[in-house]
C-alpha atoms as a PDB file:
ATOM      1  CA  MET A   1     -14.819   0.314  -2.026  1.00  0.00           C
ATOM      2  CA  PRO A   2     -12.891   3.577  -1.202  1.00  0.00           C
ATOM      3  CA  PRO A   3     -10.889   3.658   1.831  1.00  0.00           C
ATOM      4  CA  ALA A   4     -12.564   4.749   5.104  1.00  0.00           C
ATOM      5  CA  CYS A   5     -10.415   7.192   5.949  1.00  0.00           C
ATOM      6  CA  TYR A   6     -11.671   9.356   2.351  1.00  0.00           C
ATOM      7  CA  PRO A   7     -14.503  11.366   2.598  1.00  0.00           C
ATOM      8  CA  LYS A   8     -17.864  10.197   1.212  1.00  0.00           C
ATOM      9  CA  LEU A   9     -18.012  11.920  -2.626  1.00  0.00           C
ATOM     10  CA  ASP A  10     -21.027  13.200  -3.803  1.00  0.00           C
ATOM     11  CA  ASP A  11     -21.661  12.392  -7.785  1.00  0.00           C
ATOM     12  CA  THR A  12     -19.591  15.227  -8.822  1.00  0.00           C
ATOM     13  CA  GLU A  13     -16.589  14.299  -7.561  1.00  0.00           C
ATOM     14  CA  ARG A  14     -13.995  11.252  -8.518  1.00  0.00           C
ATOM     15  CA  PHE A  15     -11.093   9.999  -7.286  1.00  0.00           C
ATOM     16  CA  ALA A  16      -8.804   7.439  -8.765  1.00  0.00           C
ATOM     17  CA  MET A  17      -7.884   3.901  -7.733  1.00  0.00           C
ATOM     18  CA  THR A  18      -5.743   1.083  -9.066  1.00  0.00           C
ATOM     19  CA  LEU A  19      -4.542  -2.184  -7.577  1.00  0.00           C
ATOM     20  CA  SER A  20      -1.647  -4.106  -8.821  1.00  0.00           C
ATOM     21  CA  LEU A  21       1.001  -6.385  -8.350  1.00  0.00           C
ATOM     22  CA  TRP A  22       5.044  -5.557  -8.645  1.00  0.00           C
ATOM     23  CA  ASP A  23       7.912  -7.479  -7.849  1.00  0.00           C
ATOM     24  CA  ASP A  24      10.182  -4.961  -5.952  1.00  0.00           C
ATOM     25  CA  LEU A  25       9.969  -1.080  -5.074  1.00  0.00           C
ATOM     26  CA  GLU A  26      12.377  -0.073  -7.988  1.00  0.00           C
ATOM     27  CA  SER A  27      10.255  -1.252 -10.797  1.00  0.00           C
ATOM     28  CA  VAL A  28       6.984   0.224  -9.170  1.00  0.00           C
ATOM     29  CA  ALA A  29       9.165   3.559  -8.746  1.00  0.00           C
ATOM     30  CA  ALA A  30      10.367   3.334 -12.213  1.00  0.00           C
ATOM     31  CA  PHE A  31       6.935   2.943 -13.479  1.00  0.00           C
ATOM     32  CA  ALA A  32       5.583   5.919 -11.240  1.00  0.00           C
ATOM     33  CA  TYR A  33       8.242   8.595 -11.521  1.00  0.00           C
ATOM     34  CA  ASN A  34       9.060   8.201 -15.213  1.00  0.00           C
ATOM     35  CA  GLY A  35       7.316   8.554 -18.539  1.00  0.00           C
ATOM     36  CA  ALA A  36       3.697   9.048 -18.742  1.00  0.00           C
ATOM     37  CA  HIS A  37       2.891   8.054 -15.568  1.00  0.00           C
ATOM     38  CA  ALA A  38       5.206  10.637 -14.137  1.00  0.00           C
ATOM     39  CA  GLU A  39       3.817  13.444 -16.569  1.00  0.00           C
ATOM     40  CA  ALA A  40       0.155  12.668 -15.450  1.00  0.00           C
ATOM     41  CA  LEU A  41       1.495  12.766 -11.732  1.00  0.00           C
ATOM     42  CA  MET A  42       2.455  16.176 -12.064  1.00  0.00           C
ATOM     43  CA  ARG A  43      -0.702  17.209 -13.433  1.00  0.00           C
ATOM     44  CA  ARG A  44      -3.074  15.296 -10.805  1.00  0.00           C
ATOM     45  CA  LYS A  45      -3.853  18.606  -9.307  1.00  0.00           C
ATOM     46  CA  ASP A  46      -5.729  19.506 -12.116  1.00  0.00           C
ATOM     47  CA  TRP A  47      -7.814  16.874 -12.132  1.00  0.00           C
ATOM     48  CA  PHE A  48      -8.147  15.807  -8.263  1.00  0.00           C
ATOM     49  CA  GLN A  49      -8.844  17.953  -4.947  1.00  0.00           C
ATOM     50  CA  SER A  50      -5.872  17.353  -2.530  1.00  0.00           C
ATOM     51  CA  LEU A  51      -7.543  15.722   0.460  1.00  0.00           C
ATOM     52  CA  GLY A  52      -4.085  15.415   2.245  1.00  0.00           C
ATOM     53  CA  LEU A  53      -4.615  11.863   2.624  1.00  0.00           C
ATOM     54  CA  PRO A  54      -2.337   9.084   1.460  1.00  0.00           C
ATOM     55  CA  SER A  55      -2.825   8.469  -2.033  1.00  0.00           C
ATOM     56  CA  TYR A  56      -1.174   4.920  -2.481  1.00  0.00           C
ATOM     57  CA  VAL A  57      -0.099   2.378   0.174  1.00  0.00           C
ATOM     58  CA  ALA A  58       2.342  -0.709  -0.459  1.00  0.00           C
ATOM     59  CA  TRP A  59       2.777  -3.859   1.267  1.00  0.00           C
ATOM     60  CA  TRP A  60       4.345  -6.965   1.046  1.00  0.00           C
ATOM     61  CA  VAL A  61       2.530 -10.496  -0.025  1.00  0.00           C
ATOM     62  CA  ALA A  62       3.355 -14.396  -0.731  1.00  0.00           C
ATOM     63  CA  GLU A  63       3.494 -15.296  -4.583  1.00  0.00           C
ATOM     64  CA  ASP A  64       0.312 -17.068  -4.596  1.00  0.00           C
ATOM     65  CA  HIS A  65      -1.806 -14.101  -2.852  1.00  0.00           C
ATOM     66  CA  ASN A  66      -4.593 -12.937  -4.223  1.00  0.00           C
ATOM     67  CA  LEU A  67      -5.923  -9.475  -3.980  1.00  0.00           C
ATOM     68  CA  ASP A  68      -8.898  -7.360  -3.349  1.00  0.00           C
ATOM     69  CA  TRP A  69     -10.145  -4.052  -3.277  1.00  0.00           C
ATOM     70  CA  LYS A  70     -11.401  -4.674   0.592  1.00  0.00           C
ATOM     71  CA  GLU A  71      -7.604  -5.298   1.166  1.00  0.00           C
ATOM     72  CA  GLY A  72      -6.194  -2.626  -0.523  1.00  0.00           C
ATOM     73  CA  SER A  73      -8.789  -0.137   1.386  1.00  0.00           C
ATOM     74  CA  ASP A  74      -7.948  -1.491   4.803  1.00  0.00           C
ATOM     75  CA  ARG A  75      -4.254  -1.009   4.325  1.00  0.00           C
ATOM     76  CA  LEU A  76      -4.427   2.751   2.985  1.00  0.00           C
ATOM     77  CA  ASP A  77      -6.396   3.281   6.077  1.00  0.00           C
ATOM     78  CA  HIS A  78      -3.997   1.585   8.322  1.00  0.00           C
ATOM     79  CA  LEU A  79      -1.496   4.002   6.587  1.00  0.00           C
ATOM     80  CA  HIS A  80      -3.373   6.665   7.339  1.00  0.00           C
ATOM     81  CA  ALA A  81      -4.156   5.912  11.072  1.00  0.00           C
ATOM     82  CA  HIS A  82      -0.709   4.457  11.830  1.00  0.00           C
ATOM     83  CA  GLY A  83       1.955   6.095   9.472  1.00  0.00           C
ATOM     84  CA  SER A  84       4.286   3.801   7.628  1.00  0.00           C
ATOM     85  CA  SER A  85       4.808   0.045   8.941  1.00  0.00           C
ATOM     86  CA  ALA A  86       5.544  -3.341   7.962  1.00  0.00           C
ATOM     87  CA  PHE A  87       1.991  -3.723   7.881  1.00  0.00           C
ATOM     88  CA  ALA A  88       1.329  -0.769   5.135  1.00  0.00           C
ATOM     89  CA  PHE A  89       4.217   1.544   3.871  1.00  0.00           C
ATOM     90  CA  ASN A  90       5.016   4.046   1.485  1.00  0.00           C
ATOM     91  CA  PHE A  91       7.741   5.480  -0.318  1.00  0.00           C
ATOM     92  CA  ALA A  92       8.838   7.751   2.160  1.00  0.00           C
ATOM     93  CA  LYS A  93       9.316   5.105   4.814  1.00  0.00           C
ATOM     94  CA  PRO A  94       9.570   1.564   2.662  1.00  0.00           C
ATOM     95  CA  PHE A  95       9.942  -1.994   4.505  1.00  0.00           C
ATOM     96  CA  ASP A  96      12.015  -4.664   2.498  1.00  0.00           C
ATOM     97  CA  ALA A  97      10.455  -8.254   1.187  1.00  0.00           C
ATOM     98  CA  SER A  98      11.880  -9.999   4.702  1.00  0.00           C
ATOM     99  CA  VAL A  99       8.790  -8.646   6.276  1.00  0.00           C
ATOM    100  CA  ILE A 100       7.006 -11.203   4.526  1.00  0.00           C
ATOM    101  CA  ARG A 101       9.591 -14.283   4.497  1.00  0.00           C
ATOM    102  CA  ALA A 102       9.777 -13.896   8.138  1.00  0.00           C
ATOM    103  CA  ALA A 103       5.444 -13.856   8.310  1.00  0.00           C
ATOM    104  CA  LEU A 104       5.737 -16.921   6.157  1.00  0.00           C
ATOM    105  CA  ILE A 105       8.380 -18.856   8.265  1.00  0.00           C
ATOM    106  CA  ALA A 106       6.702 -18.149  11.116  1.00  0.00           C
ATOM    107  CA  GLN A 107       3.138 -19.500   9.807  1.00  0.00           C
ATOM    108  CA  ARG A 108       4.843 -22.635   8.958  1.00  0.00           C
ATOM    109  CA  TRP A 109       5.734 -23.262  12.745  1.00  0.00           C
ATOM    110  CA  LYS A 110       2.514 -21.765  14.420  1.00  0.00           C
ATOM    111  CA  PRO A 111       0.120 -22.677  11.901  1.00  0.00           C
ATOM    112  CA  ARG A 112      -2.680 -21.200  13.734  1.00  0.00           C
ATOM    113  CA  ARG A 113      -3.258 -17.525  12.929  1.00  0.00           C
ATOM    114  CA  ASP A 114      -4.278 -16.404  16.473  1.00  0.00           C
ATOM    115  CA  ARG A 115      -0.914 -17.447  17.622  1.00  0.00           C
ATOM    116  CA  MET A 116       1.002 -14.977  14.856  1.00  0.00           C
ATOM    117  CA  ARG A 117       2.054 -11.698  15.936  1.00  0.00           C
ATOM    118  CA  PRO A 118       3.213  -8.966  13.650  1.00  0.00           C
ATOM    119  CA  CYS A 119       6.859  -8.429  12.500  1.00  0.00           C
ATOM    120  CA  ARG A 120       8.545  -5.514  13.969  1.00  0.00           C
ATOM    121  CA  ASN A 121      11.163  -4.552  11.297  1.00  0.00           C
ATOM    122  CA  LYS A 122      12.472  -1.327  10.781  1.00  0.00           C
ATOM    123  CA  PRO A 123      12.512   0.599   8.000  1.00  0.00           C
ATOM    124  CA  LEU A 124      15.011   0.967   5.323  1.00  0.00           C
ATOM    125  CA  SER A 125      17.382   4.107   5.698  1.00  0.00           C
END
C-alpha cells in the first residue's frame, strides 16, 4: 500500500518500501549511513526518480506493537502533510522515546482512546 502522497505509478515505474523495527535512532542511523546501505543510498538517483517527497518516516512504538504497511503509509503521509512531529518524524528533526512512554502512562490512567490527547514534545536539538 503506497502512501497517498506518492503519485500513482504506471507499470514501468517503481519505488522501494521497507518496514523494520529498531531499538534506537543511533542503530538505524548507523545502518542507513554506513556500509553497503550507504553505498546504495549514494546511487539511489541512478535507480529512482526523485519525487521531492519523504522517503522514510520514523515513530516510536511499544515493545509489543505489531507494525503493518498501512500504518507505515499513514505515518509517511502525516510527515509529508505536517512535517516532523512526535507522531511521525525524520532524522533531521527527531523525537526521543519519551513520546511513547508518555502515551503509555496516559493510556493506563485514561484507558479510553477517545480521551487520549497527543503528546506535544519538542524535537531534540
